Amino acid sequence: MLTAIRKKLGLKVSLTLALVMLVLTAVVATYITFDQTATLEQSILKKAQLAANLGAQSYGAVLEQAADNGLLTISDVFDTNYQVVPGWDWGQNPKYHTKYDVVTDNATIVVLDKFLDDKDFIYAIGADRNGYVPTHNSIFNQPLTGNATEDLANSRSKRIFKDPVALAITKSTEDGFQQVYKRDTGEVMWDVSSPIMVKGKPWGHFRLGVSLHNIEAAKAHLGMSLFGLFTAFAAVVVGTIMVLIRRAIRPVEILTAAADNISMGEGLDEPLKPETIDEIGVLTKSVDRLRLSMRSAMQRLGE
């Protein structure tokens, strides 16, 4: 195989150019893939930050409207006298009532669930300044079953969350505050939060859970699409290079065969006509002059 390659100028040139082209394509493809996946992550984060801001405004508006309509007083809205829900052994995750949680159960659940129409979002909740979540999404607001594992996953409302992410949120004043959150049920996701204001005062934060699984799946799909695109591009370019080199080297092969014949005293009556004016054309003229010289010499020897 290597001997055959060494004997073929066109093949050596084609393979060298193809190798260089493949390396350059791989470098460019790698750069573009990393750039596009980073752009994808940023676009999802930006979407989550905008959604968190919108959720915070909507949640605050619901509480303000409840106060304006007389359903709650401003003091009720900011109530932190958490009353343990009776009648159940809550273990490490007790549930609490406040003066306003019945209102949020009725007024915010539809708004919260609407955010989950976007499959990138896992949860959308309002949490007060101490991490208390009066109302959760319907999917996580299921009736208690008595099974601790199931209840931990499916009945998450009216809890006070005190994990490091929740505590960091209570101290944040940043819109679209992003953290990596390992939930107590094992999932790892982004938590994106924005402050909720009620009558100009900080009430708590609106929190969105963003699926890292979906992000990784989207990145993998993007990577495979770009890989297929660049593979096809490389195949077309390499194939084109080999065809063009083959066509360019063909006159040299013909000229080489003619020179071999002339060196053996054959084909001396077959003129070589240059088809180009480049170096190959000049070489063709030189070989043809050699043919004429050889023919004249052979004729003199014949005399």
Protein backbone atom coordinates (compact mmCIF):
# COMPACT_ATOMS: atom_id res chain seq x y z
CA MET A 1 0.00 0.00 0.00
CA LEU A 2 2.74 2.47 0.99
CA THR A 3 4.80 1.46 -2.05
CA ALA A 4 1.83 2.13 -4.32
CA ILE A 5 1.35 5.55 -2.73
CA ARG A 6 5.04 6.43 -3.11
CA LYS A 7 4.90 5.53 -6.79
CA LYS A 8 1.91 7.80 -7.52
CA LEU A 9 2.53 11.54 -7.42
CA GLY A 10 -1.16 12.32 -7.80
CA LEU A 11 -2.09 9.99 -4.96
CA LYS A 12 0.56 11.49 -2.67
CA VAL A 13 -0.59 15.03 -3.41
CA SER A 14 -4.26 14.08 -3.02
CA LEU A 15 -3.74 12.31 0.29
CA THR A 16 -1.58 15.14 1.65
CA LEU A 17 -4.16 17.79 0.75
CA ALA A 18 -6.99 15.59 2.01
CA LEU A 19 -5.23 15.10 5.35
CA VAL A 20 -4.59 18.83 5.73
CA MET A 21 -8.21 19.55 4.81
CA LEU A 22 -9.52 17.00 7.31
CA VAL A 23 -7.40 18.46 10.12
CA LEU A 24 -8.53 22.01 9.33
CA THR A 25 -12.16 20.87 9.10
CA ALA A 26 -11.88 19.07 12.45
CA VAL A 27 -10.41 22.18 14.12
CA VAL A 28 -13.09 24.47 12.67
CA ALA A 29 -15.85 21.97 13.47
CA THR A 30 -14.68 21.66 17.09
CA TYR A 31 -14.57 25.43 17.53
CA ILE A 32 -18.00 25.96 15.98
CA THR A 33 -19.50 23.10 18.01
CA PHE A 34 -18.23 24.52 21.32
CA ASP A 35 -19.32 28.02 20.30
CA GLN A 36 -22.81 26.90 19.30
CA THR A 37 -23.34 24.77 22.41
CA ALA A 38 -22.31 27.73 24.56
CA THR A 39 -24.74 29.91 22.62
CA LEU A 40 -27.46 27.30 23.17
CA GLU A 41 -26.84 27.30 26.92
CA GLN A 42 -26.91 31.08 27.02
CA SER A 43 -30.17 31.23 25.07
CA ILE A 44 -31.86 28.79 27.49
CA LEU A 45 -30.49 30.70 30.48
CA LYS A 46 -31.70 33.99 29.01
CA LYS A 47 -35.14 32.48 28.45
CA ALA A 48 -35.24 31.27 32.06
CA GLN A 49 -34.12 34.66 33.40
CA LEU A 50 -36.83 36.47 31.42
CA ALA A 51 -39.40 33.93 32.62
CA ALA A 52 -38.26 34.35 36.24
CA ASN A 53 -38.62 38.12 35.96
CA LEU A 54 -42.10 37.73 34.48
CA GLY A 55 -43.05 35.21 37.16
CA ALA A 56 -41.85 37.52 39.93
CA GLN A 57 -43.91 40.41 38.55
CA SER A 58 -47.00 38.20 38.18
CA TYR A 59 -46.67 36.69 41.65
CA GLY A 60 -46.19 40.10 43.25
CA ALA A 61 -49.21 41.43 41.34
CA VAL A 62 -51.40 38.58 42.67
CA LEU A 63 -50.43 39.39 46.27
CA GLU A 64 -50.93 43.12 45.74
CA GLN A 65 -54.34 42.53 44.17
CA ALA A 66 -55.36 40.32 47.11
CA ALA A 67 -54.41 43.15 49.47
CA ASP A 68 -56.17 45.78 47.33
CA ASN A 69 -59.35 43.67 47.19
CA GLY A 70 -59.42 43.17 50.94
CA LEU A 71 -58.72 39.43 50.84
CA LEU A 72 -55.53 40.06 52.77
CA THR A 73 -53.94 42.89 54.66
CA ILE A 74 -50.38 43.90 53.85
CA SER A 75 -49.46 42.43 57.22
CA ASP A 76 -51.07 39.13 56.16
CA VAL A 77 -49.09 39.11 52.91
CA PHE A 78 -45.82 39.37 54.85
CA ASP A 79 -46.90 36.89 57.56
CA THR A 80 -44.04 34.72 58.86
CA ASN A 81 -45.89 33.15 61.77
CA TYR A 82 -45.69 29.69 60.25
CA GLN A 83 -48.24 27.29 61.72
CA VAL A 84 -47.45 23.57 61.38
CA VAL A 85 -50.21 21.77 59.49
CA PRO A 86 -51.69 19.41 62.12
CA GLY A 87 -52.59 15.76 61.84
CA TRP A 88 -49.41 14.32 60.30
CA ASP A 89 -45.93 13.27 61.31
CA TRP A 90 -43.91 15.38 58.90
CA GLY A 91 -40.49 14.15 59.93
CA GLN A 92 -37.75 16.43 58.55
CA ASN A 93 -40.04 18.29 56.14
CA PRO A 94 -42.94 19.82 58.07
CA LYS A 95 -45.63 21.74 56.21
CA TYR A 96 -46.92 25.11 57.37
CA HIS A 97 -49.92 27.34 56.93
CA THR A 98 -49.73 31.13 56.80
CA LYS A 99 -52.39 33.80 56.59
CA TYR A 100 -52.01 33.96 52.82
CA ASP A 101 -51.36 30.40 51.58
CA VAL A 102 -55.04 29.72 50.88
CA VAL A 103 -55.06 32.75 48.58
CA THR A 104 -51.93 31.66 46.71
CA ASP A 105 -53.38 28.14 46.39
CA ASN A 106 -56.37 29.58 44.56
CA ALA A 107 -54.82 32.52 42.72
CA THR A 108 -51.34 31.42 41.63
CA ILE A 109 -51.57 27.73 40.76
CA VAL A 110 -52.75 28.35 37.18
CA VAL A 111 -50.00 30.93 36.64
CA LEU A 112 -47.34 28.62 38.07
CA ASP A 113 -48.46 25.65 36.00
CA LYS A 114 -48.43 27.74 32.82
CA PHE A 115 -44.64 28.05 33.05
CA LEU A 116 -44.33 24.26 32.88
CA ASP A 117 -45.78 24.28 29.36
CA ASP A 118 -42.15 24.92 28.44
CA LYS A 119 -40.47 21.50 28.72
CA ASP A 120 -37.19 23.12 29.76
CA PHE A 121 -38.77 24.14 33.08
CA ILE A 122 -39.22 21.61 35.91
CA TYR A 123 -40.87 23.81 38.53
CA ALA A 124 -42.06 27.40 38.94
CA ILE A 125 -42.70 28.59 42.49
CA GLY A 126 -42.87 31.61 44.72
CA ALA A 127 -40.84 31.45 47.94
CA ASP A 128 -40.96 34.06 50.68
CA ARG A 129 -37.89 35.70 52.21
CA ASN A 130 -37.36 32.69 54.51
CA GLY A 131 -37.65 30.05 51.78
CA TYR A 132 -41.29 29.17 52.52
CA VAL A 133 -43.19 27.90 49.47
CA PRO A 134 -46.93 28.33 50.11
CA THR A 135 -48.03 26.87 46.77
CA HIS A 136 -46.28 24.51 44.39
CA ASN A 137 -47.07 23.37 40.85
CA SER A 138 -49.94 20.91 40.57
CA ILE A 139 -47.58 18.07 39.68
CA PHE A 140 -45.73 18.60 42.98
CA ASN A 141 -48.82 19.39 45.02
CA GLN A 142 -50.25 15.87 45.22
CA PRO A 143 -52.16 14.51 48.23
CA LEU A 144 -50.05 12.79 50.85
CA THR A 145 -49.78 9.00 50.59
CA GLY A 146 -47.82 8.13 53.71
CA ASN A 147 -44.94 6.89 51.59
CA ALA A 148 -42.03 9.15 52.54
CA THR A 149 -40.21 8.80 49.21
CA GLU A 150 -43.30 9.48 47.09
CA ASP A 151 -44.41 12.37 49.29
CA LEU A 152 -40.95 13.95 49.15
CA ALA A 153 -41.11 13.93 45.34
CA ASN A 154 -44.78 14.73 44.77
CA SER A 155 -45.99 16.80 47.75
CA ARG A 156 -43.60 19.74 48.05
CA SER A 157 -45.83 22.71 48.84
CA LYS A 158 -45.99 24.59 52.17
CA ARG A 159 -42.42 23.63 53.08
CA ILE A 160 -39.61 25.91 54.21
CA PHE A 161 -36.58 25.11 52.07
CA LYS A 162 -33.28 25.65 53.89
CA ASP A 163 -30.79 24.01 51.54
CA PRO A 164 -27.74 26.08 50.44
CA VAL A 165 -29.39 27.13 47.17
CA ALA A 166 -32.56 28.29 48.95
CA LEU A 167 -30.52 30.18 51.54
CA ALA A 168 -28.47 31.90 48.83
CA ILE A 169 -31.68 32.96 47.11
CA THR A 170 -33.01 34.60 50.29
CA LYS A 171 -29.92 36.87 50.27
CA SER A 172 -30.02 37.68 46.55
CA THR A 173 -31.27 40.92 45.04
CA GLU A 174 -30.25 39.90 41.51
CA ASP A 175 -32.71 39.42 38.67
CA GLY A 176 -32.22 36.04 36.99
CA PHE A 177 -29.91 34.70 39.73
CA GLN A 178 -28.56 31.36 38.48
CA GLN A 179 -27.37 28.44 40.63
CA VAL A 180 -26.78 24.72 40.13
CA TYR A 181 -29.34 23.01 42.35
CA LYS A 182 -29.19 19.41 43.54
CA ARG A 183 -32.71 18.72 44.66
CA ASP A 184 -33.38 16.57 47.72
CA THR A 185 -34.90 14.02 45.33
CA GLY A 186 -31.59 13.64 43.48
CA GLU A 187 -32.10 15.65 40.27
CA VAL A 188 -29.51 18.25 39.31
CA MET A 189 -30.77 21.37 37.54
CA TRP A 190 -30.38 25.11 37.30
CA ASP A 191 -32.35 27.25 39.71
CA VAL A 192 -33.03 30.72 38.29
CA SER A 193 -34.66 33.25 40.60
CA SER A 194 -35.80 36.87 40.63
CA PRO A 195 -37.03 39.02 43.55
CA ILE A 196 -40.77 39.37 44.17
CA MET A 197 -41.79 42.88 45.25
CA VAL A 198 -45.09 43.72 46.95
CA LYS A 199 -45.94 47.39 47.35
CA GLY A 200 -42.28 48.22 46.81
CA LYS A 201 -41.06 45.86 49.53
CA PRO A 202 -39.16 42.59 48.98
CA TRP A 203 -41.49 39.66 49.68
CA GLY A 204 -39.36 36.77 48.43
CA HIS A 205 -38.32 35.25 45.12
CA PHE A 206 -39.80 33.55 42.10
CA ARG A 207 -37.85 30.36 41.36
CA LEU A 208 -37.61 28.37 38.13
CA GLY A 209 -36.05 24.93 37.85
CA VAL A 210 -34.34 24.44 34.48
CA SER A 211 -33.72 20.92 33.20
CA LEU A 212 -30.02 20.18 32.64
CA HIS A 213 -31.06 16.89 31.05
CA ASN A 214 -32.90 18.79 28.31
CA ILE A 215 -29.93 21.11 27.85
CA GLU A 216 -27.53 18.18 27.48
CA ALA A 217 -29.92 16.46 25.07
CA ALA A 218 -30.18 19.63 22.97
CA LYS A 219 -26.38 20.01 23.00
CA ALA A 220 -25.95 16.38 21.93
CA HIS A 221 -28.46 16.85 19.10
CA LEU A 222 -26.69 20.00 17.99
CA GLY A 223 -23.32 18.24 18.15
CA MET A 224 -24.55 15.32 16.05
CA SER A 225 -26.10 17.68 13.50
CA LEU A 226 -22.87 19.66 13.18
CA PHE A 227 -20.84 16.44 13.02
CA GLY A 228 -23.00 15.18 10.16
CA LEU A 229 -22.77 18.52 8.38
CA PHE A 230 -18.99 18.76 8.66
CA THR A 231 -18.52 15.09 7.77
CA ALA A 232 -20.51 15.61 4.58
CA PHE A 233 -18.59 18.82 3.88
CA ALA A 234 -15.24 17.07 4.39
CA ALA A 235 -16.27 14.16 2.18
CA VAL A 236 -17.32 16.49 -0.64
CA VAL A 237 -14.18 18.62 -0.35
CA VAL A 238 -11.81 15.63 -0.17
CA GLY A 239 -13.58 13.94 -3.07
CA THR A 240 -13.39 17.14 -5.12
CA ILE A 241 -9.69 17.54 -4.31
CA MET A 242 -8.93 13.99 -5.41
CA VAL A 243 -10.87 14.37 -8.66
CA LEU A 244 -9.21 17.69 -9.48
CA ILE A 245 -5.74 16.37 -8.65
CA ARG A 246 -6.44 13.29 -10.75
CA ARG A 247 -7.43 15.46 -13.69
CA ALA A 248 -4.46 17.76 -13.19
CA ILE A 249 -1.96 14.90 -12.96
CA ARG A 250 -3.35 12.98 -15.94
CA PRO A 251 -1.20 14.87 -18.52
CA VAL A 252 1.88 14.08 -16.44
CA GLU A 253 1.00 10.37 -16.51
CA ILE A 254 0.54 10.50 -20.28
CA LEU A 255 3.82 12.37 -20.67
CA THR A 256 5.61 9.88 -18.43
CA ALA A 257 4.36 6.96 -20.52
CA ALA A 258 5.43 8.74 -23.72
CA ALA A 259 8.91 9.39 -22.31
CA ASP A 260 9.22 5.71 -21.37
CA ASN A 261 8.30 4.70 -24.92
CA ILE A 262 10.78 7.17 -26.42
CA SER A 263 13.55 5.89 -24.15
CA MET A 264 12.94 2.43 -25.58
CA GLY A 265 12.82 3.70 -29.15
CA GLU A 266 9.05 3.30 -29.48
CA GLY A 267 6.41 5.78 -30.58
CA LEU A 268 8.97 8.00 -32.30
CA ASP A 269 6.55 8.77 -35.12
CA GLU A 270 3.78 9.90 -32.75
CA PRO A 271 4.11 13.65 -32.14
CA LEU A 272 3.34 15.03 -28.67
CA LYS A 273 1.08 18.05 -28.79
CA PRO A 274 0.97 20.30 -25.71
CA GLU A 275 -2.59 21.07 -24.60
CA THR A 276 -1.61 23.77 -22.11
CA ILE A 277 0.86 26.62 -21.89
CA ASP A 278 1.88 25.91 -18.31
CA GLU A 279 4.87 23.91 -17.06
CA ILE A 280 3.36 20.66 -18.34
CA GLY A 281 2.96 22.19 -21.80
CA VAL A 282 6.61 23.32 -21.77
CA LEU A 283 7.71 19.86 -20.64
CA THR A 284 5.64 18.28 -23.41
CA LYS A 285 7.47 20.38 -26.00
CA SER A 286 10.82 19.36 -24.52
CA VAL A 287 9.92 15.66 -24.61
CA ASP A 288 8.65 16.06 -28.17
CA ARG A 289 11.99 17.61 -29.17
CA LEU A 290 13.67 14.62 -27.55
CA ARG A 291 11.41 12.37 -29.64
CA LEU A 292 12.48 14.16 -32.82
CA SER A 293 16.14 13.89 -31.84
CA MET A 294 15.75 10.20 -31.11
CA ARG A 295 13.97 9.64 -34.42
CA SER A 296 16.71 11.48 -36.34
CA ALA A 297 19.37 9.47 -34.57
CA MET A 298 17.58 6.23 -35.31
CA GLN A 299 17.23 7.21 -38.96
CA ARG A 300 20.97 7.99 -39.24
CA LEU A 301 21.81 4.69 -37.65
CA GLY A 302 19.54 2.99 -40.18
CA GLU A 303 21.45 4.56 -43.05
